[in-house]
Amino acid sequence: MENLKTWLRKNVSTTILTILFMVILVNKDAKVWLMRQVASTGILNSSISEPKETKNNSTRVSYAGFILKNEDEKIIDISAFRNKVVFINFWASWCPPCRAEFPSVQKLYDQYKNNPDMVFLTVNLDDNVALGKSYLRKEGFTVPFLVPAGNIPAVLYSGSLPTTVVLDKKGEIRLYHKGFADYSKDSFYKQMDELLKEKP
């Protein structure tokens, strides 16, 4: 026992780091906190890409059949959002990376929710819808709560959470990001402003 005490005194920093590592492995909130710290450095920032050159401008991408439901059971068809920038975030309440990025999604929503040319589709993929609703209420998030009402096109979501997609006014994918990121940076707001200025 005396040998252990001596070792602990000599290796205080190793002991502290080991304990922190164990807490992060076990505690979901600790994982979320660590991910937010990493995201705040900016190394995980995603960015809007340039539009692809198409020979025939009349061909537009169609997401017909991608139907969502809001909390009031109202059906939302993504194809109704032509000529708008659409921010889509697929998330679940049990997913630590989703929880890590959600404050930045909320800040982005607060920044643009009154812009008539912007639509937010935050799509919850919890097996139990009540868990997603409960998470938003508990954290005080006000983003729209939506769930799929049919199949999600593979071009928008391939099974990784979180996944974020931004469509331009022509319906073209300008951002496709798997994993968490920080969407509350001024640099990302500038990119969104540029996207909103583009003609449909």
C-alpha atoms as a PDB file:
ATOM      1  CA  MET A   1       0.000   0.000   0.000  1.00  0.00           C
ATOM      2  CA  GLU A   2       2.866   2.359   0.849  1.00  0.00           C
ATOM      3  CA  ASN A   3       4.420   1.662  -2.566  1.00  0.00           C
ATOM      4  CA  LEU A   4       1.160   2.677  -4.281  1.00  0.00           C
ATOM      5  CA  LYS A   5       1.000   5.962  -2.342  1.00  0.00           C
ATOM      6  CA  THR A   6       4.614   6.715  -3.252  1.00  0.00           C
ATOM      7  CA  TRP A   7       3.958   5.939  -6.930  1.00  0.00           C
ATOM      8  CA  LEU A   8       0.839   8.130  -6.962  1.00  0.00           C
ATOM      9  CA  ARG A   9       2.760  11.070  -5.418  1.00  0.00           C
ATOM     10  CA  LYS A  10       5.521  10.733  -8.012  1.00  0.00           C
ATOM     11  CA  ASN A  11       3.062  10.386 -10.896  1.00  0.00           C
ATOM     12  CA  VAL A  12       0.352  12.909 -10.069  1.00  0.00           C
ATOM     13  CA  SER A  13      -0.066  14.151 -13.656  1.00  0.00           C
ATOM     14  CA  THR A  14      -0.268  10.607 -15.052  1.00  0.00           C
ATOM     15  CA  THR A  15      -2.854   9.699 -12.418  1.00  0.00           C
ATOM     16  CA  ILE A  16      -4.968  12.790 -13.165  1.00  0.00           C
ATOM     17  CA  LEU A  17      -4.819  12.198 -16.923  1.00  0.00           C
ATOM     18  CA  THR A  18      -5.771   8.534 -16.445  1.00  0.00           C
ATOM     19  CA  ILE A  19      -8.778   9.490 -14.308  1.00  0.00           C
ATOM     20  CA  LEU A  20      -9.860  12.128 -16.855  1.00  0.00           C
ATOM     21  CA  PHE A  21      -9.518   9.614 -19.672  1.00  0.00           C
ATOM     22  CA  MET A  22     -11.658   7.089 -17.768  1.00  0.00           C
ATOM     23  CA  VAL A  23     -14.347   9.725 -17.096  1.00  0.00           C
ATOM     24  CA  ILE A  24     -14.414  10.710 -20.783  1.00  0.00           C
ATOM     25  CA  LEU A  25     -14.735   7.063 -21.822  1.00  0.00           C
ATOM     26  CA  VAL A  26     -17.656   6.426 -19.481  1.00  0.00           C
ATOM     27  CA  ASN A  27     -19.519   9.741 -19.219  1.00  0.00           C
ATOM     28  CA  LYS A  28     -21.508  10.884 -22.289  1.00  0.00           C
ATOM     29  CA  ASP A  29     -21.567  14.537 -21.164  1.00  0.00           C
ATOM     30  CA  ALA A  30     -17.795  14.520 -20.682  1.00  0.00           C
ATOM     31  CA  LYS A  31     -17.380  13.249 -24.267  1.00  0.00           C
ATOM     32  CA  VAL A  32     -19.663  16.019 -25.509  1.00  0.00           C
ATOM     33  CA  TRP A  33     -17.679  18.645 -23.576  1.00  0.00           C
ATOM     34  CA  LEU A  34     -14.372  17.407 -25.023  1.00  0.00           C
ATOM     35  CA  MET A  35     -15.781  17.367 -28.572  1.00  0.00           C
ATOM     36  CA  ARG A  36     -17.027  20.948 -28.175  1.00  0.00           C
ATOM     37  CA  GLN A  37     -13.563  22.040 -27.052  1.00  0.00           C
ATOM     38  CA  VAL A  38     -12.010  20.396 -30.115  1.00  0.00           C
ATOM     39  CA  ALA A  39     -14.660  21.902 -32.441  1.00  0.00           C
ATOM     40  CA  SER A  40     -14.086  25.385 -31.005  1.00  0.00           C
ATOM     41  CA  THR A  41     -10.491  25.302 -32.260  1.00  0.00           C
ATOM     42  CA  GLY A  42     -11.786  25.491 -35.829  1.00  0.00           C
ATOM     43  CA  ILE A  43      -9.974  22.385 -37.067  1.00  0.00           C
ATOM     44  CA  LEU A  44     -13.274  20.653 -37.766  1.00  0.00           C
ATOM     45  CA  ASN A  45     -14.923  23.515 -39.635  1.00  0.00           C
ATOM     46  CA  SER A  46     -16.765  22.565 -42.767  1.00  0.00           C
ATOM     47  CA  SER A  47     -17.157  24.883 -45.716  1.00  0.00           C
ATOM     48  CA  ILE A  48     -19.505  25.539 -48.590  1.00  0.00           C
ATOM     49  CA  SER A  49     -18.231  24.303 -51.944  1.00  0.00           C
ATOM     50  CA  GLU A  50     -18.513  25.997 -55.306  1.00  0.00           C
ATOM     51  CA  PRO A  51     -21.438  24.967 -57.532  1.00  0.00           C
ATOM     52  CA  LYS A  52     -20.696  22.211 -60.015  1.00  0.00           C
ATOM     53  CA  GLU A  53     -20.584  23.202 -63.660  1.00  0.00           C
ATOM     54  CA  THR A  54     -23.488  21.661 -65.531  1.00  0.00           C
ATOM     55  CA  LYS A  55     -23.929  21.654 -69.282  1.00  0.00           C
ATOM     56  CA  ASN A  56     -27.677  21.857 -69.022  1.00  0.00           C
ATOM     57  CA  ASN A  57     -28.843  24.394 -66.453  1.00  0.00           C
ATOM     58  CA  SER A  58     -32.442  23.221 -66.804  1.00  0.00           C
ATOM     59  CA  THR A  59     -31.654  19.908 -65.099  1.00  0.00           C
ATOM     60  CA  ARG A  60     -32.265  20.367 -61.407  1.00  0.00           C
ATOM     61  CA  VAL A  61     -31.727  17.873 -58.661  1.00  0.00           C
ATOM     62  CA  SER A  62     -34.960  16.458 -57.284  1.00  0.00           C
ATOM     63  CA  TYR A  63     -35.512  15.234 -53.758  1.00  0.00           C
ATOM     64  CA  ALA A  64     -39.133  14.340 -54.407  1.00  0.00           C
ATOM     65  CA  GLY A  65     -40.256  11.766 -51.910  1.00  0.00           C
ATOM     66  CA  PHE A  66     -38.136  13.109 -49.041  1.00  0.00           C
ATOM     67  CA  ILE A  67     -40.989  13.799 -46.655  1.00  0.00           C
ATOM     68  CA  LEU A  68     -40.732  14.957 -43.047  1.00  0.00           C
ATOM     69  CA  LYS A  69     -43.218  15.473 -40.207  1.00  0.00           C
ATOM     70  CA  ASN A  70     -43.114  18.198 -37.585  1.00  0.00           C
ATOM     71  CA  GLU A  71     -44.351  17.930 -33.979  1.00  0.00           C
ATOM     72  CA  ASP A  72     -47.911  18.709 -35.090  1.00  0.00           C
ATOM     73  CA  GLU A  73     -47.797  15.820 -37.615  1.00  0.00           C
ATOM     74  CA  LYS A  74     -47.747  18.359 -40.465  1.00  0.00           C
ATOM     75  CA  ILE A  75     -46.109  16.910 -43.577  1.00  0.00           C
ATOM     76  CA  ILE A  76     -43.148  18.815 -45.048  1.00  0.00           C
ATOM     77  CA  ASP A  77     -41.938  18.019 -48.560  1.00  0.00           C
ATOM     78  CA  ILE A  78     -38.390  19.197 -49.240  1.00  0.00           C
ATOM     79  CA  SER A  79     -39.206  19.757 -52.922  1.00  0.00           C
ATOM     80  CA  ALA A  80     -41.366  22.709 -51.778  1.00  0.00           C
ATOM     81  CA  PHE A  81     -38.215  24.640 -50.873  1.00  0.00           C
ATOM     82  CA  ARG A  82     -37.030  25.527 -54.350  1.00  0.00           C
ATOM     83  CA  ASN A  83     -35.279  28.904 -54.515  1.00  0.00           C
ATOM     84  CA  LYS A  84     -34.284  28.650 -50.838  1.00  0.00           C
ATOM     85  CA  VAL A  85     -31.072  27.663 -49.087  1.00  0.00           C
ATOM     86  CA  VAL A  86     -31.808  24.519 -47.068  1.00  0.00           C
ATOM     87  CA  PHE A  87     -29.755  23.520 -44.010  1.00  0.00           C
ATOM     88  CA  ILE A  88     -30.374  19.861 -43.136  1.00  0.00           C
ATOM     89  CA  ASN A  89     -28.966  18.272 -39.987  1.00  0.00           C
ATOM     90  CA  PHE A  90     -29.528  14.580 -39.182  1.00  0.00           C
ATOM     91  CA  TRP A  91     -29.087  13.920 -35.465  1.00  0.00           C
ATOM     92  CA  ALA A  92     -30.092  11.758 -32.504  1.00  0.00           C
ATOM     93  CA  SER A  93     -30.207  12.496 -28.777  1.00  0.00           C
ATOM     94  CA  TRP A  94     -28.024   9.489 -27.876  1.00  0.00           C
ATOM     95  CA  CYS A  95     -25.204  10.598 -30.222  1.00  0.00           C
ATOM     96  CA  PRO A  96     -22.354  12.476 -28.420  1.00  0.00           C
ATOM     97  CA  PRO A  97     -21.055  14.186 -31.614  1.00  0.00           C
ATOM     98  CA  CYS A  98     -24.626  15.394 -32.338  1.00  0.00           C
ATOM     99  CA  ARG A  99     -24.865  16.814 -28.824  1.00  0.00           C
ATOM    100  CA  ALA A 100     -21.435  18.415 -29.229  1.00  0.00           C
ATOM    101  CA  GLU A 101     -22.395  20.351 -32.354  1.00  0.00           C
ATOM    102  CA  PHE A 102     -25.990  21.181 -31.430  1.00  0.00           C
ATOM    103  CA  PRO A 103     -25.252  24.507 -29.682  1.00  0.00           C
ATOM    104  CA  SER A 104     -23.596  25.703 -32.909  1.00  0.00           C
ATOM    105  CA  VAL A 105     -26.593  24.506 -34.971  1.00  0.00           C
ATOM    106  CA  GLN A 106     -28.856  26.464 -32.593  1.00  0.00           C
ATOM    107  CA  LYS A 107     -26.697  29.609 -33.007  1.00  0.00           C
ATOM    108  CA  LEU A 108     -26.832  29.252 -36.795  1.00  0.00           C
ATOM    109  CA  TYR A 109     -30.608  28.842 -36.576  1.00  0.00           C
ATOM    110  CA  ASP A 110     -30.892  31.957 -34.363  1.00  0.00           C
ATOM    111  CA  GLN A 111     -28.792  33.894 -36.888  1.00  0.00           C
ATOM    112  CA  TYR A 112     -30.910  32.969 -39.944  1.00  0.00           C
ATOM    113  CA  LYS A 113     -34.349  31.807 -38.745  1.00  0.00           C
ATOM    114  CA  ASN A 114     -36.007  35.055 -39.875  1.00  0.00           C
ATOM    115  CA  ASN A 115     -34.418  35.002 -43.328  1.00  0.00           C
ATOM    116  CA  PRO A 116     -37.191  34.148 -45.831  1.00  0.00           C
ATOM    117  CA  ASP A 117     -34.631  32.556 -48.181  1.00  0.00           C
ATOM    118  CA  MET A 118     -33.399  30.039 -45.596  1.00  0.00           C
ATOM    119  CA  VAL A 119     -34.977  26.824 -44.302  1.00  0.00           C
ATOM    120  CA  PHE A 120     -33.796  24.657 -41.399  1.00  0.00           C
ATOM    121  CA  LEU A 121     -34.562  20.945 -41.357  1.00  0.00           C
ATOM    122  CA  THR A 122     -33.187  19.395 -38.157  1.00  0.00           C
ATOM    123  CA  VAL A 123     -34.146  15.753 -38.613  1.00  0.00           C
ATOM    124  CA  ASN A 124     -34.252  13.579 -35.497  1.00  0.00           C
ATOM    125  CA  LEU A 125     -33.410   9.898 -35.997  1.00  0.00           C
ATOM    126  CA  ASP A 126     -34.021   8.587 -32.472  1.00  0.00           C
ATOM    127  CA  ASP A 127     -35.918   5.274 -32.423  1.00  0.00           C
ATOM    128  CA  ASN A 128     -38.064   6.797 -29.691  1.00  0.00           C
ATOM    129  CA  VAL A 129     -39.203  10.264 -30.826  1.00  0.00           C
ATOM    130  CA  ALA A 130     -39.927  11.314 -27.233  1.00  0.00           C
ATOM    131  CA  LEU A 131     -36.197  11.127 -26.423  1.00  0.00           C
ATOM    132  CA  GLY A 132     -35.336  13.661 -29.126  1.00  0.00           C
ATOM    133  CA  LYS A 133     -38.099  16.046 -28.034  1.00  0.00           C
ATOM    134  CA  SER A 134     -37.057  15.695 -24.401  1.00  0.00           C
ATOM    135  CA  TYR A 135     -33.416  16.456 -25.257  1.00  0.00           C
ATOM    136  CA  LEU A 136     -34.333  19.684 -27.095  1.00  0.00           C
ATOM    137  CA  ARG A 137     -36.586  20.844 -24.239  1.00  0.00           C
ATOM    138  CA  LYS A 138     -34.021  20.001 -21.551  1.00  0.00           C
ATOM    139  CA  GLU A 139     -31.247  21.907 -23.346  1.00  0.00           C
ATOM    140  CA  GLY A 140     -33.491  24.831 -24.321  1.00  0.00           C
ATOM    141  CA  PHE A 141     -32.958  24.381 -28.080  1.00  0.00           C
ATOM    142  CA  THR A 142     -35.614  25.899 -30.343  1.00  0.00           C
ATOM    143  CA  VAL A 143     -34.654  24.443 -33.738  1.00  0.00           C
ATOM    144  CA  PRO A 144     -37.495  22.740 -35.638  1.00  0.00           C
ATOM    145  CA  PHE A 145     -38.094  19.157 -34.496  1.00  0.00           C
ATOM    146  CA  LEU A 146     -38.671  16.979 -37.548  1.00  0.00           C
ATOM    147  CA  VAL A 147     -38.758  13.238 -38.160  1.00  0.00           C
ATOM    148  CA  PRO A 148     -38.710  11.300 -41.446  1.00  0.00           C
ATOM    149  CA  ALA A 149     -42.116  10.325 -42.805  1.00  0.00           C
ATOM    150  CA  GLY A 150     -40.618   8.031 -45.423  1.00  0.00           C
ATOM    151  CA  ASN A 151     -37.274   7.034 -46.883  1.00  0.00           C
ATOM    152  CA  ILE A 152     -34.355   9.437 -46.784  1.00  0.00           C
ATOM    153  CA  PRO A 153     -32.504   9.664 -50.122  1.00  0.00           C
ATOM    154  CA  ALA A 154     -29.024   8.122 -49.832  1.00  0.00           C
ATOM    155  CA  VAL A 155     -27.558  11.210 -51.489  1.00  0.00           C
ATOM    156  CA  LEU A 156     -28.544  13.164 -48.349  1.00  0.00           C
ATOM    157  CA  TYR A 157     -27.908  10.608 -45.612  1.00  0.00           C
ATOM    158  CA  SER A 158     -25.872   7.409 -45.636  1.00  0.00           C
ATOM    159  CA  GLY A 159     -26.105   6.330 -41.997  1.00  0.00           C
ATOM    160  CA  SER A 160     -23.505   8.458 -40.144  1.00  0.00           C
ATOM    161  CA  LEU A 161     -24.578  10.760 -37.326  1.00  0.00           C
ATOM    162  CA  PRO A 162     -24.437  13.654 -37.335  1.00  0.00           C
ATOM    163  CA  THR A 163     -24.653  14.436 -41.042  1.00  0.00           C
ATOM    164  CA  THR A 164     -25.161  17.982 -42.264  1.00  0.00           C
ATOM    165  CA  VAL A 165     -26.169  18.928 -45.795  1.00  0.00           C
ATOM    166  CA  VAL A 166     -26.641  22.407 -47.247  1.00  0.00           C
ATOM    167  CA  LEU A 167     -28.577  22.793 -50.501  1.00  0.00           C
ATOM    168  CA  ASP A 168     -28.344  25.956 -52.570  1.00  0.00           C
ATOM    169  CA  LYS A 169     -31.341  27.660 -54.182  1.00  0.00           C
ATOM    170  CA  LYS A 170     -31.099  25.320 -57.172  1.00  0.00           C
ATOM    171  CA  GLY A 171     -31.262  22.280 -54.896  1.00  0.00           C
ATOM    172  CA  GLU A 172     -27.601  21.426 -55.431  1.00  0.00           C
ATOM    173  CA  ILE A 173     -25.619  20.002 -52.515  1.00  0.00           C
ATOM    174  CA  ARG A 174     -23.042  22.618 -51.529  1.00  0.00           C
ATOM    175  CA  LEU A 175     -22.033  21.067 -48.217  1.00  0.00           C
ATOM    176  CA  TYR A 176     -22.058  17.418 -47.200  1.00  0.00           C
ATOM    177  CA  HIS A 177     -20.392  16.847 -43.842  1.00  0.00           C
ATOM    178  CA  LYS A 178     -20.330  13.629 -41.806  1.00  0.00           C
ATOM    179  CA  GLY A 179     -19.353  14.053 -38.173  1.00  0.00           C
ATOM    180  CA  PHE A 180     -19.557  17.034 -35.876  1.00  0.00           C
ATOM    181  CA  ALA A 181     -18.483  20.564 -36.749  1.00  0.00           C
ATOM    182  CA  ASP A 182     -18.901  24.103 -35.449  1.00  0.00           C
ATOM    183  CA  TYR A 183     -21.496  26.019 -37.487  1.00  0.00           C
ATOM    184  CA  SER A 184     -21.397  29.129 -35.282  1.00  0.00           C
ATOM    185  CA  LYS A 185     -18.207  30.681 -36.677  1.00  0.00           C
ATOM    186  CA  ASP A 186     -18.256  34.048 -38.474  1.00  0.00           C
ATOM    187  CA  SER A 187     -16.421  32.414 -41.386  1.00  0.00           C
ATOM    188  CA  PHE A 188     -19.316  29.975 -41.864  1.00  0.00           C
ATOM    189  CA  TYR A 189     -21.877  32.807 -41.576  1.00  0.00           C
ATOM    190  CA  LYS A 190     -20.046  34.653 -44.376  1.00  0.00           C
ATOM    191  CA  GLN A 191     -20.246  31.567 -46.572  1.00  0.00           C
ATOM    192  CA  MET A 192     -23.952  31.239 -45.841  1.00  0.00           C
ATOM    193  CA  ASP A 193     -24.474  34.936 -46.669  1.00  0.00           C
ATOM    194  CA  GLU A 194     -22.756  34.405 -50.027  1.00  0.00           C
ATOM    195  CA  LEU A 195     -24.937  31.375 -50.689  1.00  0.00           C
ATOM    196  CA  LEU A 196     -28.074  33.367 -49.869  1.00  0.00           C
ATOM    197  CA  LYS A 197     -27.030  36.076 -52.380  1.00  0.00           C
ATOM    198  CA  GLU A 198     -26.766  33.592 -55.250  1.00  0.00           C
ATOM    199  CA  LYS A 199     -29.538  33.606 -57.825  1.00  0.00           C
ATOM    200  CA  PRO A 200     -31.751  30.500 -58.118  1.00  0.00           C
END
